[in-house]
Amino acid sequence: MDNKQKIQIPNPEDILIRDLLIENHIIDHPRVVRCGRTSNKVYEGSWGLKYNPYITFCGSWECRVCRSKLLEKQRKHHFSNNIEFINFRKGKILLLTLTIPHRIQDSFSFIYEGFKESLKQMKGGWGWKKLRKITSCEFHYDTLELTHTDNGKHLHNHITYGVLNPDVSNKTIKDILFDTWSYYTSKMGFKKLSKKGIHVTEISPNGSHSGSRGDKTVEELTKEKGTLEWWEKEYLNTFPKKTSQEIGKEIMKINRTFKGSRRGRIWINRNQ
């Protein structure tokens, strides 16, 4: 490895949490179980055998240590993309926030599957295509975020949306987005959507953020109640209202639900 390459040193608390979850079988994927262990590269020459120890990492979203690295890599990729779009393409970046009204008794799996299917159908529908065309949308990427309040779990999507036509008002965009999003969420069996569940704001990248509210560090996500990171920290600290088994089930449920989802992929709109 090039000595000049910056190495991201894992946070000791992240290591402690990962190892505790593995020890208690909350995480049991073999690749994650091996994460952080030391392996040896063997070199053979006239000097005999030489062993060069190195630490292996799993690169899995399920692993808190590797998730921190993946989020940082994603943030840098988004930042570079957004800065180039603003400075060289003279574009504008909007943040479209979509939420869904649901009942407190609705399970997380029902909310997630219905949300994902609503999003999939909306992006194949006429309203989204119309929005892309009139705004001259060049790219977008999704960031699903899970939080928790006294009224239950709340899933919402922050869509970072790059446009070349700055003349379409945020109100017009919100009206079109509301019509198409409310249609598909109702189709999936969710309650009637309020316009308060749709937000359209202009954002700009700065030195520490990519311009997407979704590009948060593990430390930032840990502070938001209901995120995977928040539950992981509560497992370490002994949550007063839940047993470690209950918290473990929440962590396993979130990992299982988000397994296989594409995170942070930039979708380029080649055909308007």
C-alpha atoms as a PDB file:
ATOM      1  CA  MET A   1       0.000   0.000   0.000  1.00  0.00           C
ATOM      2  CA  ASP A   2       1.226   3.508  -0.825  1.00  0.00           C
ATOM      3  CA  ASN A   3       2.352   5.100   2.460  1.00  0.00           C
ATOM      4  CA  LYS A   4       1.014   8.429   1.217  1.00  0.00           C
ATOM      5  CA  GLN A   5      -2.514   7.066   0.918  1.00  0.00           C
ATOM      6  CA  LYS A   6      -4.734   8.273   3.714  1.00  0.00           C
ATOM      7  CA  ILE A   7      -5.936   5.403   5.863  1.00  0.00           C
ATOM      8  CA  GLN A   8      -9.246   5.736   7.675  1.00  0.00           C
ATOM      9  CA  ILE A   9      -8.640   4.436  11.182  1.00  0.00           C
ATOM     10  CA  PRO A  10     -11.716   2.675  12.598  1.00  0.00           C
ATOM     11  CA  ASN A  11     -13.424   4.263  15.570  1.00  0.00           C
ATOM     12  CA  PRO A  12     -12.738   2.089  18.668  1.00  0.00           C
ATOM     13  CA  GLU A  13     -16.410   2.326  19.687  1.00  0.00           C
ATOM     14  CA  ASP A  14     -17.507   1.093  16.249  1.00  0.00           C
ATOM     15  CA  ILE A  15     -15.182  -1.894  16.653  1.00  0.00           C
ATOM     16  CA  LEU A  16     -16.569  -2.585  20.128  1.00  0.00           C
ATOM     17  CA  ILE A  17     -20.179  -2.462  18.875  1.00  0.00           C
ATOM     18  CA  ARG A  18     -19.452  -4.683  15.854  1.00  0.00           C
ATOM     19  CA  ASP A  19     -17.669  -7.279  17.993  1.00  0.00           C
ATOM     20  CA  LEU A  20     -20.429  -7.250  20.624  1.00  0.00           C
ATOM     21  CA  LEU A  21     -23.117  -7.825  17.989  1.00  0.00           C
ATOM     22  CA  ILE A  22     -21.087 -10.714  16.550  1.00  0.00           C
ATOM     23  CA  GLU A  23     -20.453 -12.195  20.002  1.00  0.00           C
ATOM     24  CA  ASN A  24     -24.181 -12.221  20.753  1.00  0.00           C
ATOM     25  CA  HIS A  25     -25.115 -13.587  17.303  1.00  0.00           C
ATOM     26  CA  ILE A  26     -27.006 -10.456  16.263  1.00  0.00           C
ATOM     27  CA  ILE A  27     -24.706 -10.509  13.225  1.00  0.00           C
ATOM     28  CA  ASP A  28     -23.663 -13.937  11.987  1.00  0.00           C
ATOM     29  CA  HIS A  29     -22.625 -13.437   8.367  1.00  0.00           C
ATOM     30  CA  PRO A  30     -19.263 -15.253   7.977  1.00  0.00           C
ATOM     31  CA  ARG A  31     -17.649 -12.364   6.125  1.00  0.00           C
ATOM     32  CA  VAL A  32     -18.574  -9.886   8.857  1.00  0.00           C
ATOM     33  CA  VAL A  33     -17.503 -12.327  11.571  1.00  0.00           C
ATOM     34  CA  ARG A  34     -13.989 -12.377  10.051  1.00  0.00           C
ATOM     35  CA  CYS A  35     -13.837  -8.571   9.776  1.00  0.00           C
ATOM     36  CA  GLY A  36     -10.907  -7.009  11.625  1.00  0.00           C
ATOM     37  CA  ARG A  37      -8.904 -10.194  11.892  1.00  0.00           C
ATOM     38  CA  THR A  38      -5.224 -10.327  10.983  1.00  0.00           C
ATOM     39  CA  SER A  39      -4.085 -12.395   8.025  1.00  0.00           C
ATOM     40  CA  ASN A  40      -0.626 -13.002   6.574  1.00  0.00           C
ATOM     41  CA  LYS A  41       0.760 -12.575   3.088  1.00  0.00           C
ATOM     42  CA  VAL A  42       3.611 -14.999   2.535  1.00  0.00           C
ATOM     43  CA  TYR A  43       6.608 -14.063   0.368  1.00  0.00           C
ATOM     44  CA  GLU A  44       9.220 -16.624  -0.610  1.00  0.00           C
ATOM     45  CA  GLY A  45      12.721 -15.794  -1.807  1.00  0.00           C
ATOM     46  CA  SER A  46      16.390 -16.472  -1.259  1.00  0.00           C
ATOM     47  CA  TRP A  47      15.875 -15.263   2.309  1.00  0.00           C
ATOM     48  CA  GLY A  48      13.307 -17.958   2.921  1.00  0.00           C
ATOM     49  CA  LEU A  49       9.713 -17.220   3.931  1.00  0.00           C
ATOM     50  CA  LYS A  50       8.591 -13.752   4.943  1.00  0.00           C
ATOM     51  CA  TYR A  51       5.205 -13.081   6.562  1.00  0.00           C
ATOM     52  CA  ASN A  52       3.550  -9.712   6.093  1.00  0.00           C
ATOM     53  CA  PRO A  53       0.530  -9.351   8.435  1.00  0.00           C
ATOM     54  CA  TYR A  54      -2.451  -7.228   7.383  1.00  0.00           C
ATOM     55  CA  ILE A  55      -5.982  -6.612   8.680  1.00  0.00           C
ATOM     56  CA  THR A  56      -8.907  -7.717   6.513  1.00  0.00           C
ATOM     57  CA  PHE A  57     -12.220  -5.831   6.381  1.00  0.00           C
ATOM     58  CA  CYS A  58     -15.534  -7.249   5.154  1.00  0.00           C
ATOM     59  CA  GLY A  59     -16.833  -4.199   3.249  1.00  0.00           C
ATOM     60  CA  SER A  60     -20.412  -4.969   4.323  1.00  0.00           C
ATOM     61  CA  TRP A  61     -23.153  -2.453   5.166  1.00  0.00           C
ATOM     62  CA  GLU A  62     -24.158  -4.735   8.022  1.00  0.00           C
ATOM     63  CA  CYS A  63     -20.811  -4.070   9.712  1.00  0.00           C
ATOM     64  CA  ARG A  64     -20.691  -0.746  11.563  1.00  0.00           C
ATOM     65  CA  VAL A  65     -16.932  -0.377  11.007  1.00  0.00           C
ATOM     66  CA  CYS A  66     -17.119  -0.904   7.244  1.00  0.00           C
ATOM     67  CA  ARG A  67     -20.377   1.059   6.942  1.00  0.00           C
ATOM     68  CA  SER A  68     -18.513   4.100   8.221  1.00  0.00           C
ATOM     69  CA  LYS A  69     -15.965   3.706   5.399  1.00  0.00           C
ATOM     70  CA  LEU A  70     -18.661   3.095   2.789  1.00  0.00           C
ATOM     71  CA  LEU A  71     -20.586   6.206   3.864  1.00  0.00           C
ATOM     72  CA  GLU A  72     -17.436   8.326   3.650  1.00  0.00           C
ATOM     73  CA  LYS A  73     -16.641   6.986   0.176  1.00  0.00           C
ATOM     74  CA  GLN A  74     -20.225   7.661  -0.917  1.00  0.00           C
ATOM     75  CA  ARG A  75     -20.119  11.202   0.500  1.00  0.00           C
ATOM     76  CA  LYS A  76     -16.945  12.016  -1.446  1.00  0.00           C
ATOM     77  CA  HIS A  77     -18.419  10.594  -4.661  1.00  0.00           C
ATOM     78  CA  HIS A  78     -21.601  12.650  -4.280  1.00  0.00           C
ATOM     79  CA  PHE A  79     -19.659  15.784  -3.361  1.00  0.00           C
ATOM     80  CA  SER A  80     -17.455  15.510  -6.467  1.00  0.00           C
ATOM     81  CA  ASN A  81     -20.478  14.904  -8.700  1.00  0.00           C
ATOM     82  CA  ASN A  82     -22.474  17.811  -7.267  1.00  0.00           C
ATOM     83  CA  ILE A  83     -19.607  20.312  -7.331  1.00  0.00           C
ATOM     84  CA  GLU A  84     -18.856  19.497 -10.976  1.00  0.00           C
ATOM     85  CA  PHE A  85     -22.534  19.825 -11.875  1.00  0.00           C
ATOM     86  CA  ILE A  86     -22.851  23.261 -10.264  1.00  0.00           C
ATOM     87  CA  ASN A  87     -19.489  24.743 -11.293  1.00  0.00           C
ATOM     88  CA  PHE A  88     -19.104  23.350 -14.802  1.00  0.00           C
ATOM     89  CA  ARG A  89     -22.611  22.493 -15.961  1.00  0.00           C
ATOM     90  CA  LYS A  90     -24.124  25.560 -14.217  1.00  0.00           C
ATOM     91  CA  GLY A  91     -26.870  23.394 -12.803  1.00  0.00           C
ATOM     92  CA  LYS A  92     -28.970  23.623  -9.666  1.00  0.00           C
ATOM     93  CA  ILE A  93     -29.470  20.923  -7.055  1.00  0.00           C
ATOM     94  CA  LEU A  94     -32.782  20.393  -5.305  1.00  0.00           C
ATOM     95  CA  LEU A  95     -33.664  18.167  -2.385  1.00  0.00           C
ATOM     96  CA  LEU A  96     -37.002  16.382  -2.822  1.00  0.00           C
ATOM     97  CA  THR A  97     -38.245  14.782   0.385  1.00  0.00           C
ATOM     98  CA  LEU A  98     -40.959  12.125   0.233  1.00  0.00           C
ATOM     99  CA  THR A  99     -42.744  10.731   3.274  1.00  0.00           C
ATOM    100  CA  ILE A 100     -45.698   8.396   3.703  1.00  0.00           C
ATOM    101  CA  PRO A 101     -48.566   8.476   6.197  1.00  0.00           C
ATOM    102  CA  HIS A 102     -49.071   5.130   7.883  1.00  0.00           C
ATOM    103  CA  ARG A 103     -50.730   3.566  10.891  1.00  0.00           C
ATOM    104  CA  ILE A 104     -48.799   2.980  14.107  1.00  0.00           C
ATOM    105  CA  GLN A 105     -49.630  -0.728  13.912  1.00  0.00           C
ATOM    106  CA  ASP A 106     -48.123  -1.089  10.424  1.00  0.00           C
ATOM    107  CA  SER A 107     -45.044  -3.315  10.479  1.00  0.00           C
ATOM    108  CA  PHE A 108     -41.686  -2.001   9.296  1.00  0.00           C
ATOM    109  CA  SER A 109     -41.558  -4.607   6.524  1.00  0.00           C
ATOM    110  CA  PHE A 110     -44.992  -3.461   5.250  1.00  0.00           C
ATOM    111  CA  ILE A 111     -43.902   0.199   5.315  1.00  0.00           C
ATOM    112  CA  TYR A 112     -40.588  -0.510   3.593  1.00  0.00           C
ATOM    113  CA  GLU A 113     -41.925  -2.792   0.864  1.00  0.00           C
ATOM    114  CA  GLY A 114     -44.841  -0.447   0.150  1.00  0.00           C
ATOM    115  CA  PHE A 115     -42.540   2.578   0.074  1.00  0.00           C
ATOM    116  CA  LYS A 116     -40.079   0.917  -2.304  1.00  0.00           C
ATOM    117  CA  GLU A 117     -42.824  -0.275  -4.644  1.00  0.00           C
ATOM    118  CA  SER A 118     -44.472   3.177  -4.618  1.00  0.00           C
ATOM    119  CA  LEU A 119     -41.119   4.722  -5.519  1.00  0.00           C
ATOM    120  CA  LYS A 120     -40.481   2.197  -8.285  1.00  0.00           C
ATOM    121  CA  GLN A 121     -43.895   2.714  -9.866  1.00  0.00           C
ATOM    122  CA  MET A 122     -43.723   6.494  -9.508  1.00  0.00           C
ATOM    123  CA  LYS A 123     -40.410   6.649 -11.372  1.00  0.00           C
ATOM    124  CA  GLY A 124     -41.939   4.658 -14.212  1.00  0.00           C
ATOM    125  CA  GLY A 125     -44.998   6.880 -14.347  1.00  0.00           C
ATOM    126  CA  TRP A 126     -46.001   9.904 -16.381  1.00  0.00           C
ATOM    127  CA  GLY A 127     -45.729  12.470 -13.569  1.00  0.00           C
ATOM    128  CA  TRP A 128     -42.058  11.742 -12.823  1.00  0.00           C
ATOM    129  CA  LYS A 129     -41.195  11.730 -16.529  1.00  0.00           C
ATOM    130  CA  LYS A 130     -42.947  15.070 -16.938  1.00  0.00           C
ATOM    131  CA  LEU A 131     -41.008  16.497 -13.998  1.00  0.00           C
ATOM    132  CA  ARG A 132     -37.696  15.303 -15.407  1.00  0.00           C
ATOM    133  CA  LYS A 133     -38.512  16.840 -18.798  1.00  0.00           C
ATOM    134  CA  ILE A 134     -39.635  20.314 -17.701  1.00  0.00           C
ATOM    135  CA  THR A 135     -36.736  20.714 -15.227  1.00  0.00           C
ATOM    136  CA  SER A 136     -34.132  19.249 -17.618  1.00  0.00           C
ATOM    137  CA  CYS A 137     -33.107  16.835 -14.878  1.00  0.00           C
ATOM    138  CA  GLU A 138     -29.622  15.404 -15.426  1.00  0.00           C
ATOM    139  CA  PHE A 139     -29.307  13.046 -12.456  1.00  0.00           C
ATOM    140  CA  HIS A 140     -30.764  12.060  -9.115  1.00  0.00           C
ATOM    141  CA  TYR A 141     -29.961   9.746  -6.226  1.00  0.00           C
ATOM    142  CA  ASP A 142     -32.046   8.412  -3.371  1.00  0.00           C
ATOM    143  CA  THR A 143     -31.291   8.199   0.329  1.00  0.00           C
ATOM    144  CA  LEU A 144     -33.806   6.277   2.409  1.00  0.00           C
ATOM    145  CA  GLU A 145     -33.771   7.312   6.068  1.00  0.00           C
ATOM    146  CA  LEU A 146     -35.455   5.586   8.993  1.00  0.00           C
ATOM    147  CA  THR A 147     -36.321   7.407  12.227  1.00  0.00           C
ATOM    148  CA  HIS A 148     -38.500   6.580  15.231  1.00  0.00           C
ATOM    149  CA  THR A 149     -40.905   8.641  17.324  1.00  0.00           C
ATOM    150  CA  ASP A 150     -43.641   7.880  19.836  1.00  0.00           C
ATOM    151  CA  ASN A 151     -45.953   7.377  16.820  1.00  0.00           C
ATOM    152  CA  GLY A 152     -43.813   4.578  15.429  1.00  0.00           C
ATOM    153  CA  LYS A 153     -41.228   4.159  12.668  1.00  0.00           C
ATOM    154  CA  HIS A 154     -40.981   6.745   9.908  1.00  0.00           C
ATOM    155  CA  LEU A 155     -39.383   6.046   6.551  1.00  0.00           C
ATOM    156  CA  HIS A 156     -38.659   8.898   4.168  1.00  0.00           C
ATOM    157  CA  ASN A 157     -36.616   9.423   1.034  1.00  0.00           C
ATOM    158  CA  HIS A 158     -34.292  12.345   0.338  1.00  0.00           C
ATOM    159  CA  ILE A 159     -33.872  12.614  -3.442  1.00  0.00           C
ATOM    160  CA  THR A 160     -30.924  14.740  -4.525  1.00  0.00           C
ATOM    161  CA  TYR A 161     -32.075  16.100  -7.883  1.00  0.00           C
ATOM    162  CA  GLY A 162     -29.837  17.935 -10.377  1.00  0.00           C
ATOM    163  CA  VAL A 163     -31.569  20.214 -12.899  1.00  0.00           C
ATOM    164  CA  LEU A 164     -30.434  22.482 -15.736  1.00  0.00           C
ATOM    165  CA  ASN A 165     -33.653  24.499 -16.015  1.00  0.00           C
ATOM    166  CA  PRO A 166     -33.788  26.889 -13.013  1.00  0.00           C
ATOM    167  CA  ASP A 167     -37.006  28.574 -14.170  1.00  0.00           C
ATOM    168  CA  VAL A 168     -39.434  25.922 -12.905  1.00  0.00           C
ATOM    169  CA  SER A 169     -40.627  27.045  -9.477  1.00  0.00           C
ATOM    170  CA  ASN A 170     -40.349  24.858  -6.393  1.00  0.00           C
ATOM    171  CA  LYS A 171     -44.139  25.137  -6.043  1.00  0.00           C
ATOM    172  CA  THR A 172     -44.707  23.680  -9.519  1.00  0.00           C
ATOM    173  CA  ILE A 173     -42.295  20.854  -8.769  1.00  0.00           C
ATOM    174  CA  LYS A 174     -44.012  20.171  -5.443  1.00  0.00           C
ATOM    175  CA  ASP A 175     -47.469  20.122  -7.038  1.00  0.00           C
ATOM    176  CA  ILE A 176     -46.428  17.578  -9.686  1.00  0.00           C
ATOM    177  CA  LEU A 177     -44.545  15.502  -7.140  1.00  0.00           C
ATOM    178  CA  PHE A 178     -47.497  15.509  -4.757  1.00  0.00           C
ATOM    179  CA  ASP A 179     -49.953  14.381  -7.434  1.00  0.00           C
ATOM    180  CA  THR A 180     -47.834  11.456  -8.597  1.00  0.00           C
ATOM    181  CA  TRP A 181     -46.514  10.375  -5.166  1.00  0.00           C
ATOM    182  CA  SER A 182     -49.955  10.491  -3.515  1.00  0.00           C
ATOM    183  CA  TYR A 183     -51.399   8.389  -6.357  1.00  0.00           C
ATOM    184  CA  TYR A 184     -48.860   5.584  -6.016  1.00  0.00           C
ATOM    185  CA  THR A 185     -48.762   5.526  -2.198  1.00  0.00           C
ATOM    186  CA  SER A 186     -52.577   5.321  -2.115  1.00  0.00           C
ATOM    187  CA  LYS A 187     -52.361   2.499  -4.637  1.00  0.00           C
ATOM    188  CA  MET A 188     -50.123   0.610  -2.198  1.00  0.00           C
ATOM    189  CA  GLY A 189     -52.664   0.942   0.596  1.00  0.00           C
ATOM    190  CA  PHE A 190     -51.210   3.855   2.559  1.00  0.00           C
ATOM    191  CA  LYS A 191     -53.336   6.596   4.126  1.00  0.00           C
ATOM    192  CA  LYS A 192     -54.138   9.805   2.245  1.00  0.00           C
ATOM    193  CA  LEU A 193     -51.050  11.949   1.786  1.00  0.00           C
ATOM    194  CA  SER A 194     -50.852  15.556   2.970  1.00  0.00           C
ATOM    195  CA  LYS A 195     -48.821  18.156   1.096  1.00  0.00           C
ATOM    196  CA  LYS A 196     -46.881  18.546   4.340  1.00  0.00           C
ATOM    197  CA  GLY A 197     -45.368  15.174   3.467  1.00  0.00           C
ATOM    198  CA  ILE A 198     -43.610  16.650   0.409  1.00  0.00           C
ATOM    199  CA  HIS A 199     -40.700  19.105   0.596  1.00  0.00           C
ATOM    200  CA  VAL A 200     -38.728  20.800  -2.188  1.00  0.00           C
ATOM    201  CA  THR A 201     -35.696  22.916  -1.281  1.00  0.00           C
ATOM    202  CA  GLU A 202     -32.588  24.131  -3.064  1.00  0.00           C
ATOM    203  CA  ILE A 203     -29.280  22.989  -1.636  1.00  0.00           C
ATOM    204  CA  SER A 204     -25.614  23.645  -2.342  1.00  0.00           C
ATOM    205  CA  PRO A 205     -22.561  21.570  -1.417  1.00  0.00           C
ATOM    206  CA  ASN A 206     -19.995  23.000   0.979  1.00  0.00           C
ATOM    207  CA  GLY A 207     -16.720  21.842   2.419  1.00  0.00           C
ATOM    208  CA  SER A 208     -18.207  19.218   4.712  1.00  0.00           C
ATOM    209  CA  HIS A 209     -21.386  18.009   2.998  1.00  0.00           C
ATOM    210  CA  SER A 210     -22.160  16.801  -0.509  1.00  0.00           C
ATOM    211  CA  GLY A 211     -25.435  18.641  -0.781  1.00  0.00           C
ATOM    212  CA  SER A 212     -27.485  15.614   0.203  1.00  0.00           C
ATOM    213  CA  ARG A 213     -29.067  15.305   3.617  1.00  0.00           C
ATOM    214  CA  GLY A 214     -28.544  11.595   3.293  1.00  0.00           C
ATOM    215  CA  ASP A 215     -24.771  11.849   3.290  1.00  0.00           C
ATOM    216  CA  LYS A 216     -24.323  11.576   7.041  1.00  0.00           C
ATOM    217  CA  THR A 217     -21.594   9.910   9.015  1.00  0.00           C
ATOM    218  CA  VAL A 218     -22.190   7.033  11.399  1.00  0.00           C
ATOM    219  CA  GLU A 219     -21.722   9.518  14.246  1.00  0.00           C
ATOM    220  CA  GLU A 220     -24.424  11.826  12.856  1.00  0.00           C
ATOM    221  CA  LEU A 221     -26.839   8.958  12.243  1.00  0.00           C
ATOM    222  CA  THR A 222     -26.284   7.673  15.787  1.00  0.00           C
ATOM    223  CA  LYS A 223     -27.864  10.865  17.140  1.00  0.00           C
ATOM    224  CA  GLU A 224     -31.143  10.289  15.248  1.00  0.00           C
ATOM    225  CA  LYS A 225     -33.589   8.078  17.121  1.00  0.00           C
ATOM    226  CA  GLY A 226     -34.637   4.966  15.270  1.00  0.00           C
ATOM    227  CA  THR A 227     -31.725   4.653  12.839  1.00  0.00           C
ATOM    228  CA  LEU A 228     -29.711   1.436  12.708  1.00  0.00           C
ATOM    229  CA  GLU A 229     -26.773   3.327  14.198  1.00  0.00           C
ATOM    230  CA  TRP A 230     -28.912   4.584  17.088  1.00  0.00           C
ATOM    231  CA  TRP A 231     -30.075   1.041  17.931  1.00  0.00           C
ATOM    232  CA  GLU A 232     -26.498  -0.230  17.771  1.00  0.00           C
ATOM    233  CA  LYS A 233     -25.390   2.379  20.302  1.00  0.00           C
ATOM    234  CA  GLU A 234     -28.362   1.577  22.548  1.00  0.00           C
ATOM    235  CA  TYR A 235     -27.374  -2.093  22.477  1.00  0.00           C
ATOM    236  CA  LEU A 236     -23.976  -1.081  23.827  1.00  0.00           C
ATOM    237  CA  ASN A 237     -25.366   1.283  26.484  1.00  0.00           C
ATOM    238  CA  THR A 238     -28.252  -0.858  27.823  1.00  0.00           C
ATOM    239  CA  PHE A 239     -31.463   0.846  26.769  1.00  0.00           C
ATOM    240  CA  PRO A 240     -33.711   1.440  29.846  1.00  0.00           C
ATOM    241  CA  LYS A 241     -37.041   0.535  28.199  1.00  0.00           C
ATOM    242  CA  LYS A 242     -35.970  -2.493  26.148  1.00  0.00           C
ATOM    243  CA  THR A 243     -33.949  -5.624  26.825  1.00  0.00           C
ATOM    244  CA  SER A 244     -30.821  -6.410  24.840  1.00  0.00           C
ATOM    245  CA  GLN A 245     -32.789  -9.184  23.098  1.00  0.00           C
ATOM    246  CA  GLU A 246     -35.456  -6.697  21.958  1.00  0.00           C
ATOM    247  CA  ILE A 247     -32.833  -4.263  20.696  1.00  0.00           C
ATOM    248  CA  GLY A 248     -31.024  -7.104  18.949  1.00  0.00           C
ATOM    249  CA  LYS A 249     -34.243  -8.013  17.137  1.00  0.00           C
ATOM    250  CA  GLU A 250     -34.626  -4.389  15.962  1.00  0.00           C
ATOM    251  CA  ILE A 251     -31.068  -4.419  14.573  1.00  0.00           C
ATOM    252  CA  MET A 252     -31.592  -7.754  12.826  1.00  0.00           C
ATOM    253  CA  LYS A 253     -34.908  -6.546  11.378  1.00  0.00           C
ATOM    254  CA  ILE A 254     -33.358  -3.386   9.908  1.00  0.00           C
ATOM    255  CA  ASN A 255     -30.356  -5.265   8.487  1.00  0.00           C
ATOM    256  CA  ARG A 256     -32.634  -7.899   6.952  1.00  0.00           C
ATOM    257  CA  THR A 257     -34.971  -5.298   5.452  1.00  0.00           C
ATOM    258  CA  PHE A 258     -32.258  -3.175   3.842  1.00  0.00           C
ATOM    259  CA  LYS A 259     -30.218  -6.166   2.663  1.00  0.00           C
ATOM    260  CA  GLY A 260     -29.463  -5.925  -1.046  1.00  0.00           C
ATOM    261  CA  SER A 261     -30.695  -2.347  -1.442  1.00  0.00           C
ATOM    262  CA  ARG A 262     -28.640  -0.041  -3.660  1.00  0.00           C
ATOM    263  CA  ARG A 263     -27.343   2.862  -1.621  1.00  0.00           C
ATOM    264  CA  GLY A 264     -26.255   6.172  -3.060  1.00  0.00           C
ATOM    265  CA  ARG A 265     -26.236   5.143  -6.741  1.00  0.00           C
ATOM    266  CA  ILE A 266     -26.394   8.182  -9.039  1.00  0.00           C
ATOM    267  CA  TRP A 267     -29.042   7.681 -11.730  1.00  0.00           C
ATOM    268  CA  ILE A 268     -28.140   9.579 -14.897  1.00  0.00           C
ATOM    269  CA  ASN A 269     -31.081  10.720 -17.038  1.00  0.00           C
ATOM    270  CA  ARG A 270     -29.766  10.174 -20.543  1.00  0.00           C
ATOM    271  CA  ASN A 271     -33.113  10.569 -22.288  1.00  0.00           C
ATOM    272  CA  GLN A 272     -35.428  13.407 -21.362  1.00  0.00           C
END
